[in-house]
Amino acid sequence: MKNVAIFGSTGSIGESTLNVIRENKELFNVVTLVAGKNIKKLIEQIEEFKPKNVYIIDKENSEKLKELYKDINVFYGEEGMEEISKLIDYDISISALVGIAGLKPTYNMIKNGKTVALANKEVLVAGGELIMKTAKENGAKLLTVDSEHSAIMQCLNGEENNPIDKILLTASGGPFFDKEITDDITVEQALNHPTWSMGPKVTIDSSTMMNKGFEIIEAKWLFDVEPEQIEVVVHRKSLVHSMVQFKDGTIMANIGPKSMQIPIAYALNYPNRLQNNIEKLDLFEVVDLKFEKPDLNKFKCLKLAYEAIKWGHSYQVVLNAANEVLVDSFLNKKIKYTMIPNGIEKIMKMYELRKLETVDEILNFDKEVREKTRELIANKM
């Protein structure tokens, strides 16, 4: 039986992970649940899965948990996150904390040589070089539960001796692929994703295709390829989750239902697959598998991601930090939709390459970029 730690247990990835565990109780045991502010949902999870360790962000709610559960280790705040992420009483952790908040905990887990299944794009976008180096030095295994990167990981399983020509990273195209992008786009329109149900920040990233830009950076680090070897392919039906083209011309594709439980289950039980109750894909009902090329001028965030790789690591930190602040401002209706890519481009051009060798250096630089982005927003850019 594998012991599992879930960082981000009350989010969509955390809940999907618990669904997989619920269906396979004989294989997995939840030892750690890390939440943000949703104490109601966390209590429901504690009652069902009986973990040893839990985290909630604020002190007041941590006191409530301590009163309710005398036999559970309760952590809270920045210091508590540091402590709980350094525990070693699990076999695999799911790293699904939202945003840059996931970097330090993931680094701590990898430094302890643990197996980590990444669902947090920002960890590798902001800290890819350091995370991969630390994983190698400490014998940590880095898996992924992103549907696209899991698809690539599955396509590459057993292909160690076969050189990659290209990674074909599929994208749904979001709600605006075949529509004009204007200043008039509303938050509600941007949150209306055609195929996936995700949190608001990730959904906006999907609409700008920044999520795919982040995935290009992730793929570079995870699979040790050059950016020129990563091609984004828009596939509106989201049935082909990604593909790998080998040097001999063969293209291997991962095709399956639109369900995050499949890549989560694959990571939890890697490299063996788990049975599930998800409705299987009937290929006879699939009319076509159309693929299209994204317009990098229309979806400027994709172009900026490629540029961030070419310009160097610190620009990837700028890309992520500026995007997070701008998306939050758009969700709160403080800026227009087009200011997300335009603002990121403006901020990237304000910086020179900077050497970032530690987590603290990355986090301090991230904080600096966020402050600069907020200043620009306040000054109407």
Protein backbone atom coordinates (compact mmCIF):
# COMPACT_ATOMS: atom_id res chain seq x y z
CA MET A 1 0.00 0.00 0.00
CA LYS A 2 1.30 3.45 -0.97
CA ASN A 3 1.12 6.37 1.44
CA VAL A 4 0.01 9.56 -0.33
CA ALA A 5 0.39 13.26 0.52
CA ILE A 6 -1.88 15.69 -1.32
CA PHE A 7 -0.81 19.33 -1.46
CA GLY A 8 -3.91 21.16 -2.66
CA SER A 9 -6.47 18.59 -1.52
CA THR A 10 -9.55 20.84 -1.75
CA GLY A 11 -8.88 21.99 -5.33
CA SER A 12 -10.03 20.21 -8.48
CA ILE A 13 -6.86 18.10 -8.81
CA GLY A 14 -6.93 17.22 -5.11
CA GLU A 15 -10.56 16.12 -5.31
CA SER A 16 -9.89 14.05 -8.44
CA THR A 17 -6.94 12.43 -6.66
CA LEU A 18 -9.18 11.51 -3.73
CA ASN A 19 -11.71 10.05 -6.19
CA VAL A 20 -8.98 7.74 -7.54
CA ILE A 21 -7.97 6.75 -4.00
CA ARG A 22 -11.62 6.22 -3.03
CA GLU A 23 -11.94 3.68 -5.85
CA ASN A 24 -8.66 1.96 -4.88
CA LYS A 25 -8.65 1.95 -1.07
CA GLU A 26 -6.70 -1.30 -0.97
CA LEU A 27 -3.78 0.36 -2.80
CA PHE A 28 -3.50 3.86 -1.28
CA ASN A 29 -3.52 5.44 2.15
CA VAL A 30 -3.82 9.22 2.61
CA VAL A 31 -1.35 10.46 5.23
CA THR A 32 -1.29 14.20 4.49
CA LEU A 33 -3.90 16.71 3.32
CA VAL A 34 -2.87 20.30 2.58
CA ALA A 35 -5.63 22.84 1.96
CA GLY A 36 -5.90 26.61 1.65
CA LYS A 37 -8.92 28.24 3.29
CA ASN A 38 -11.71 25.74 2.61
CA ILE A 39 -12.02 24.24 6.10
CA LYS A 40 -15.49 22.78 5.42
CA LYS A 41 -14.23 20.64 2.57
CA LEU A 42 -11.03 19.77 4.44
CA ILE A 43 -13.05 18.50 7.42
CA GLU A 44 -15.10 16.30 5.09
CA GLN A 45 -11.86 14.87 3.68
CA ILE A 46 -10.39 14.31 7.16
CA GLU A 47 -13.53 12.43 8.24
CA GLU A 48 -13.35 10.13 5.23
CA PHE A 49 -9.62 9.55 4.77
CA LYS A 50 -8.26 9.87 8.35
CA PRO A 51 -4.86 11.48 7.57
CA LYS A 52 -2.03 11.87 10.10
CA ASN A 53 -1.12 15.41 9.01
CA VAL A 54 -3.22 18.35 7.82
CA TYR A 55 -2.55 21.95 6.87
CA ILE A 56 -4.82 24.99 6.72
CA ILE A 57 -3.50 28.44 5.90
CA ASP A 58 -4.76 30.48 8.88
CA LYS A 59 -4.26 30.09 12.63
CA GLU A 60 -7.93 30.45 13.58
CA ASN A 61 -9.00 27.48 11.46
CA SER A 62 -5.98 25.47 12.61
CA GLU A 63 -7.18 25.91 16.21
CA LYS A 64 -10.60 24.57 15.21
CA LEU A 65 -8.97 21.52 13.67
CA LYS A 66 -6.84 20.93 16.76
CA GLU A 67 -10.00 20.97 18.90
CA LEU A 68 -11.79 18.55 16.60
CA TYR A 69 -8.89 16.13 16.00
CA LYS A 70 -6.61 15.54 18.96
CA ASP A 71 -4.68 12.74 17.25
CA ILE A 72 -3.83 14.65 14.03
CA ASN A 73 -0.80 16.88 13.43
CA VAL A 74 -2.17 20.28 12.41
CA PHE A 75 0.02 22.83 10.60
CA TYR A 76 -0.72 26.40 9.48
CA GLY A 77 0.94 29.49 8.02
CA GLU A 78 4.28 29.86 6.26
CA GLU A 79 6.22 28.02 8.96
CA GLY A 80 3.70 25.19 8.98
CA MET A 81 3.97 24.78 5.20
CA GLU A 82 7.74 24.53 5.53
CA GLU A 83 7.38 21.84 8.21
CA ILE A 84 4.71 19.72 6.53
CA SER A 85 6.53 19.76 3.19
CA LYS A 86 9.64 18.34 4.89
CA LEU A 87 7.85 15.28 6.32
CA ILE A 88 8.93 11.97 4.82
CA ASP A 89 6.11 9.62 5.88
CA TYR A 90 4.70 9.13 2.37
CA ASP A 91 5.63 7.33 -0.85
CA ILE A 92 4.25 9.81 -3.35
CA SER A 93 2.96 13.37 -3.12
CA ILE A 94 0.62 15.25 -5.44
CA SER A 95 1.88 18.82 -5.83
CA ALA A 96 -1.28 20.75 -6.75
CA LEU A 97 -0.96 24.02 -4.85
CA VAL A 98 -1.96 26.98 -7.01
CA GLY A 99 0.70 29.34 -8.35
CA ILE A 100 4.18 30.11 -7.04
CA ALA A 101 3.07 28.90 -3.58
CA GLY A 102 3.84 25.39 -4.80
CA LEU A 103 7.55 26.03 -5.51
CA LYS A 104 9.11 25.86 -2.03
CA PRO A 105 7.07 22.83 -0.81
CA THR A 106 7.84 20.93 -4.01
CA TYR A 107 11.53 21.80 -3.70
CA ASN A 108 11.53 20.53 -0.09
CA MET A 109 9.92 17.24 -1.12
CA ILE A 110 12.35 16.70 -3.98
CA LYS A 111 15.30 17.60 -1.76
CA ASN A 112 14.21 14.71 0.49
CA GLY A 113 14.40 12.36 -2.50
CA LYS A 114 10.65 11.78 -2.65
CA THR A 115 8.46 10.89 -5.64
CA VAL A 116 6.44 13.96 -6.62
CA ALA A 117 3.59 14.05 -9.13
CA LEU A 118 3.38 17.63 -10.42
CA ALA A 119 0.07 19.32 -11.15
CA ASN A 120 1.46 22.80 -10.60
CA LYS A 121 2.80 24.36 -13.80
CA GLU A 122 4.46 27.26 -12.00
CA VAL A 123 6.94 24.98 -10.18
CA LEU A 124 8.79 24.18 -13.39
CA VAL A 125 8.06 27.50 -15.11
CA ALA A 126 9.65 29.51 -12.29
CA GLY A 127 12.06 26.93 -10.91
CA GLY A 128 12.68 24.38 -13.65
CA GLU A 129 16.46 24.53 -13.69
CA LEU A 130 16.76 24.28 -9.89
CA ILE A 131 14.02 21.66 -9.50
CA MET A 132 15.48 19.30 -12.14
CA LYS A 133 19.02 19.72 -10.77
CA THR A 134 17.85 19.05 -7.20
CA ALA A 135 15.81 16.01 -8.27
CA LYS A 136 18.84 14.53 -10.01
CA GLU A 137 21.16 15.21 -7.05
CA ASN A 138 18.78 13.64 -4.53
CA GLY A 139 17.42 10.72 -6.54
CA ALA A 140 13.88 12.11 -6.52
CA LYS A 141 11.40 10.92 -9.13
CA LEU A 142 9.40 13.65 -10.86
CA LEU A 143 6.14 12.51 -12.47
CA THR A 144 3.33 14.63 -13.87
CA VAL A 145 -0.45 14.64 -13.70
CA ASP A 146 -0.95 17.32 -16.35
CA SER A 147 -3.03 15.56 -19.02
CA GLU A 148 -0.67 16.66 -21.81
CA HIS A 149 2.60 15.86 -20.04
CA SER A 150 1.21 12.60 -18.72
CA ALA A 151 0.33 11.72 -22.32
CA ILE A 152 3.92 12.45 -23.39
CA MET A 153 5.27 10.47 -20.43
CA GLN A 154 3.11 7.52 -21.44
CA CYS A 155 4.19 7.76 -25.09
CA LEU A 156 7.85 7.76 -24.03
CA ASN A 157 7.56 4.79 -21.66
CA GLY A 158 9.89 2.10 -22.99
CA GLU A 159 11.29 4.41 -25.69
CA GLU A 160 14.49 5.44 -23.88
CA ASN A 161 16.72 4.43 -26.80
CA ASN A 162 14.62 6.09 -29.49
CA PRO A 163 15.46 9.76 -30.12
CA ILE A 164 12.64 12.31 -30.16
CA ASP A 165 12.13 14.45 -33.23
CA LYS A 166 9.24 16.53 -31.87
CA ILE A 167 6.80 16.72 -29.00
CA LEU A 168 3.34 17.60 -30.31
CA LEU A 169 1.64 19.35 -27.42
CA THR A 170 -2.09 19.44 -27.96
CA ALA A 171 -4.29 22.38 -26.93
CA SER A 172 -8.04 22.81 -26.83
CA GLY A 173 -7.68 26.36 -28.15
CA GLY A 174 -9.90 27.72 -25.37
CA PRO A 175 -13.05 29.76 -25.98
CA PHE A 176 -11.50 32.26 -28.42
CA PHE A 177 -9.58 30.13 -30.92
CA ASP A 178 -12.03 30.88 -33.72
CA LYS A 179 -13.21 34.24 -32.37
CA GLU A 180 -11.75 37.73 -32.47
CA ILE A 181 -9.87 38.84 -29.34
CA THR A 182 -10.86 42.34 -28.28
CA ASP A 183 -10.93 44.64 -25.26
CA ASP A 184 -14.62 43.82 -24.88
CA ILE A 185 -14.08 40.21 -23.76
CA THR A 186 -15.71 39.72 -20.34
CA VAL A 187 -14.60 37.58 -17.42
CA GLU A 188 -17.66 35.39 -17.91
CA GLN A 189 -16.81 34.78 -21.57
CA ALA A 190 -13.18 33.94 -20.76
CA LEU A 191 -14.27 31.49 -18.07
CA ASN A 192 -16.56 29.63 -20.49
CA HIS A 193 -14.13 26.86 -21.47
CA PRO A 194 -15.45 24.56 -24.23
CA THR A 195 -14.10 21.24 -22.94
CA TRP A 196 -12.49 21.29 -19.47
CA SER A 197 -13.76 22.26 -16.02
CA MET A 198 -10.91 23.95 -14.12
CA GLY A 199 -10.27 26.65 -11.54
CA PRO A 200 -10.68 30.31 -12.64
CA LYS A 201 -6.97 31.16 -12.93
CA VAL A 202 -6.17 28.10 -15.06
CA THR A 203 -9.27 28.69 -17.19
CA ILE A 204 -8.16 32.24 -18.02
CA ASP A 205 -4.68 30.91 -18.80
CA SER A 206 -6.30 28.45 -21.18
CA SER A 207 -8.23 31.25 -22.92
CA THR A 208 -5.03 33.26 -23.54
CA MET A 209 -3.15 29.98 -24.25
CA MET A 210 -0.65 30.96 -21.57
CA ASN A 211 -1.31 27.56 -20.00
CA LYS A 212 0.13 26.05 -23.19
CA GLY A 213 3.05 28.47 -22.99
CA PHE A 214 3.72 27.21 -19.47
CA GLU A 215 3.43 23.63 -20.73
CA ILE A 216 6.07 24.30 -23.40
CA ILE A 217 8.45 25.35 -20.61
CA GLU A 218 7.43 22.34 -18.50
CA ALA A 219 8.02 19.97 -21.42
CA LYS A 220 11.48 21.42 -21.99
CA TRP A 221 12.47 20.60 -18.40
CA LEU A 222 10.60 17.32 -17.97
CA PHE A 223 11.70 15.71 -21.22
CA ASP A 224 15.05 17.45 -21.81
CA VAL A 225 14.22 18.82 -25.27
CA GLU A 226 14.89 22.11 -27.01
CA PRO A 227 12.01 24.59 -27.49
CA GLU A 228 12.28 24.08 -31.27
CA GLN A 229 11.29 20.44 -30.65
CA ILE A 230 8.00 21.39 -28.99
CA GLU A 231 5.14 22.20 -31.32
CA VAL A 232 1.68 23.28 -30.12
CA VAL A 233 -1.15 21.60 -32.02
CA VAL A 234 -4.74 22.76 -31.50
CA HIS A 235 -7.14 19.84 -31.22
CA ARG A 236 -10.57 21.17 -30.28
CA LYS A 237 -12.09 17.87 -29.17
CA SER A 238 -9.44 17.24 -26.48
CA LEU A 239 -9.39 13.50 -27.18
CA VAL A 240 -5.74 13.33 -28.27
CA HIS A 241 -3.94 14.50 -25.15
CA SER A 242 -0.52 14.87 -26.79
CA MET A 243 1.84 13.08 -29.18
CA VAL A 244 5.51 12.29 -29.69
CA GLN A 245 7.10 12.17 -33.13
CA PHE A 246 10.24 10.05 -33.27
CA LYS A 247 13.22 10.40 -35.63
CA ASP A 248 11.96 7.53 -37.81
CA GLY A 249 8.77 9.47 -38.55
CA THR A 250 6.50 7.48 -36.23
CA ILE A 251 3.98 9.52 -34.26
CA MET A 252 2.77 7.97 -31.02
CA ALA A 253 -0.42 9.49 -29.62
CA ASN A 254 -2.23 9.22 -26.30
CA ILE A 255 -5.99 9.16 -26.89
CA GLY A 256 -8.65 8.86 -24.23
CA PRO A 257 -11.63 10.36 -22.40
CA LYS A 258 -11.53 13.92 -21.02
CA SER A 259 -10.85 12.99 -17.39
CA MET A 260 -8.07 14.12 -15.06
CA GLN A 261 -8.50 10.90 -13.06
CA ILE A 262 -6.64 8.95 -15.76
CA PRO A 263 -3.30 10.86 -15.57
CA ILE A 264 -3.64 11.10 -11.78
CA ALA A 265 -4.16 7.35 -11.46
CA TYR A 266 -1.24 6.68 -13.82
CA ALA A 267 1.07 8.81 -11.69
CA LEU A 268 -0.13 7.30 -8.40
CA ASN A 269 0.41 3.74 -9.64
CA TYR A 270 3.25 4.47 -12.10
CA PRO A 271 4.05 2.72 -14.41
CA ASN A 272 1.02 0.44 -14.02
CA ARG A 273 -2.49 1.47 -15.02
CA LEU A 274 -5.54 1.28 -12.76
CA GLN A 275 -9.05 0.22 -13.67
CA ASN A 276 -11.67 2.95 -13.27
CA ASN A 277 -15.37 3.63 -13.72
CA ILE A 278 -14.87 6.35 -16.33
CA GLU A 279 -16.87 5.88 -19.52
CA LYS A 280 -14.46 4.57 -22.15
CA LEU A 281 -13.96 6.31 -25.48
CA ASP A 282 -15.80 4.75 -28.43
CA LEU A 283 -13.67 5.44 -31.51
CA PHE A 284 -16.61 4.68 -33.82
CA GLU A 285 -18.31 7.79 -32.43
CA VAL A 286 -15.29 10.01 -33.12
CA VAL A 287 -16.05 11.77 -36.40
CA ASP A 288 -12.60 13.28 -36.98
CA LEU A 289 -9.35 14.17 -35.24
CA LYS A 290 -8.71 17.60 -36.70
CA PHE A 291 -5.46 19.43 -35.84
CA GLU A 292 -4.78 23.13 -36.38
CA LYS A 293 -1.85 25.52 -35.99
CA PRO A 294 -2.25 28.33 -33.43
CA ASP A 295 -1.69 31.94 -34.52
CA LEU A 296 1.21 33.19 -32.39
CA ASN A 297 0.32 36.81 -33.16
CA LYS A 298 -3.24 36.33 -31.96
CA PHE A 299 -2.17 34.27 -28.93
CA LYS A 300 0.79 36.39 -27.93
CA CYS A 301 1.28 34.48 -24.65
CA LEU A 302 2.52 31.47 -26.62
CA LYS A 303 5.12 33.59 -28.40
CA LEU A 304 6.20 35.13 -25.07
CA ALA A 305 6.72 31.66 -23.57
CA TYR A 306 9.06 30.67 -26.41
CA GLU A 307 10.91 33.97 -25.96
CA ALA A 308 11.21 33.42 -22.20
CA ILE A 309 12.96 30.09 -22.83
CA LYS A 310 15.37 31.65 -25.32
CA TRP A 311 16.11 34.67 -23.12
CA GLY A 312 16.90 32.61 -20.01
CA HIS A 313 15.55 31.29 -16.71
CA SER A 314 14.81 34.62 -14.99
CA TYR A 315 12.50 35.61 -17.86
CA GLN A 316 10.42 32.50 -17.15
CA VAL A 317 10.00 33.80 -13.58
CA VAL A 318 8.92 37.20 -14.99
CA LEU A 319 6.47 35.51 -17.38
CA ASN A 320 4.83 33.57 -14.57
CA ALA A 321 4.74 36.35 -11.96
CA ALA A 322 3.41 39.03 -14.29
CA ASN A 323 0.80 36.68 -15.70
CA GLU A 324 -0.48 35.68 -12.26
CA VAL A 325 -0.97 39.32 -11.19
CA LEU A 326 -2.54 40.37 -14.49
CA VAL A 327 -4.94 37.40 -14.56
CA ASP A 328 -6.01 38.15 -10.99
CA SER A 329 -6.61 41.79 -11.95
CA PHE A 330 -8.70 40.72 -14.95
CA LEU A 331 -10.75 38.29 -12.84
CA ASN A 332 -11.42 41.18 -10.45
CA LYS A 333 -12.42 43.36 -13.45
CA LYS A 334 -9.63 45.89 -12.93
CA ILE A 335 -8.06 45.53 -16.40
CA LYS A 336 -9.17 44.62 -19.90
CA TYR A 337 -8.54 41.13 -21.28
CA THR A 338 -5.96 42.25 -23.86
CA MET A 339 -3.85 43.79 -21.09
CA ILE A 340 -2.84 40.27 -19.96
CA PRO A 341 -0.50 39.51 -22.91
CA ASN A 342 0.38 43.15 -23.55
CA GLY A 343 1.25 43.71 -19.90
CA ILE A 344 3.43 40.60 -19.72
CA GLU A 345 5.34 41.67 -22.84
CA LYS A 346 5.91 45.14 -21.43
CA ILE A 347 7.19 43.81 -18.10
CA MET A 348 9.48 41.22 -19.72
CA LYS A 349 11.15 43.99 -21.71
CA MET A 350 11.84 45.94 -18.51
CA TYR A 351 14.22 43.29 -17.14
CA GLU A 352 17.68 41.96 -17.98
CA LEU A 353 18.77 38.36 -17.44
CA ARG A 354 19.39 37.64 -13.77
CA LYS A 355 21.11 34.66 -12.18
CA LEU A 356 18.80 32.80 -9.78
CA GLU A 357 20.41 29.87 -7.97
CA THR A 358 18.22 29.24 -4.90
CA VAL A 359 14.52 29.00 -4.10
CA ASP A 360 14.72 32.17 -2.01
CA GLU A 361 16.33 34.09 -4.88
CA ILE A 362 13.55 32.93 -7.21
CA LEU A 363 10.83 33.84 -4.69
CA ASN A 364 12.35 37.26 -3.98
CA PHE A 365 12.60 38.02 -7.69
CA ASP A 366 9.04 36.76 -8.19
CA LYS A 367 7.88 39.17 -5.46
CA GLU A 368 9.75 42.05 -7.11
CA VAL A 369 8.11 41.37 -10.48
CA ARG A 370 4.66 41.16 -8.89
CA GLU A 371 5.14 44.53 -7.20
CA LYS A 372 6.31 46.06 -10.48
CA THR A 373 3.28 44.59 -12.28
CA ARG A 374 0.88 45.99 -9.67
CA GLU A 375 2.53 49.42 -10.03
CA LEU A 376 2.00 49.34 -13.79
CA ILE A 377 -1.63 48.30 -13.36
CA ALA A 378 -2.18 51.13 -10.85
CA ASN A 379 -0.64 53.54 -13.37
CA LYS A 380 -2.91 52.15 -16.14
CA MET A 381 0.15 50.51 -17.77
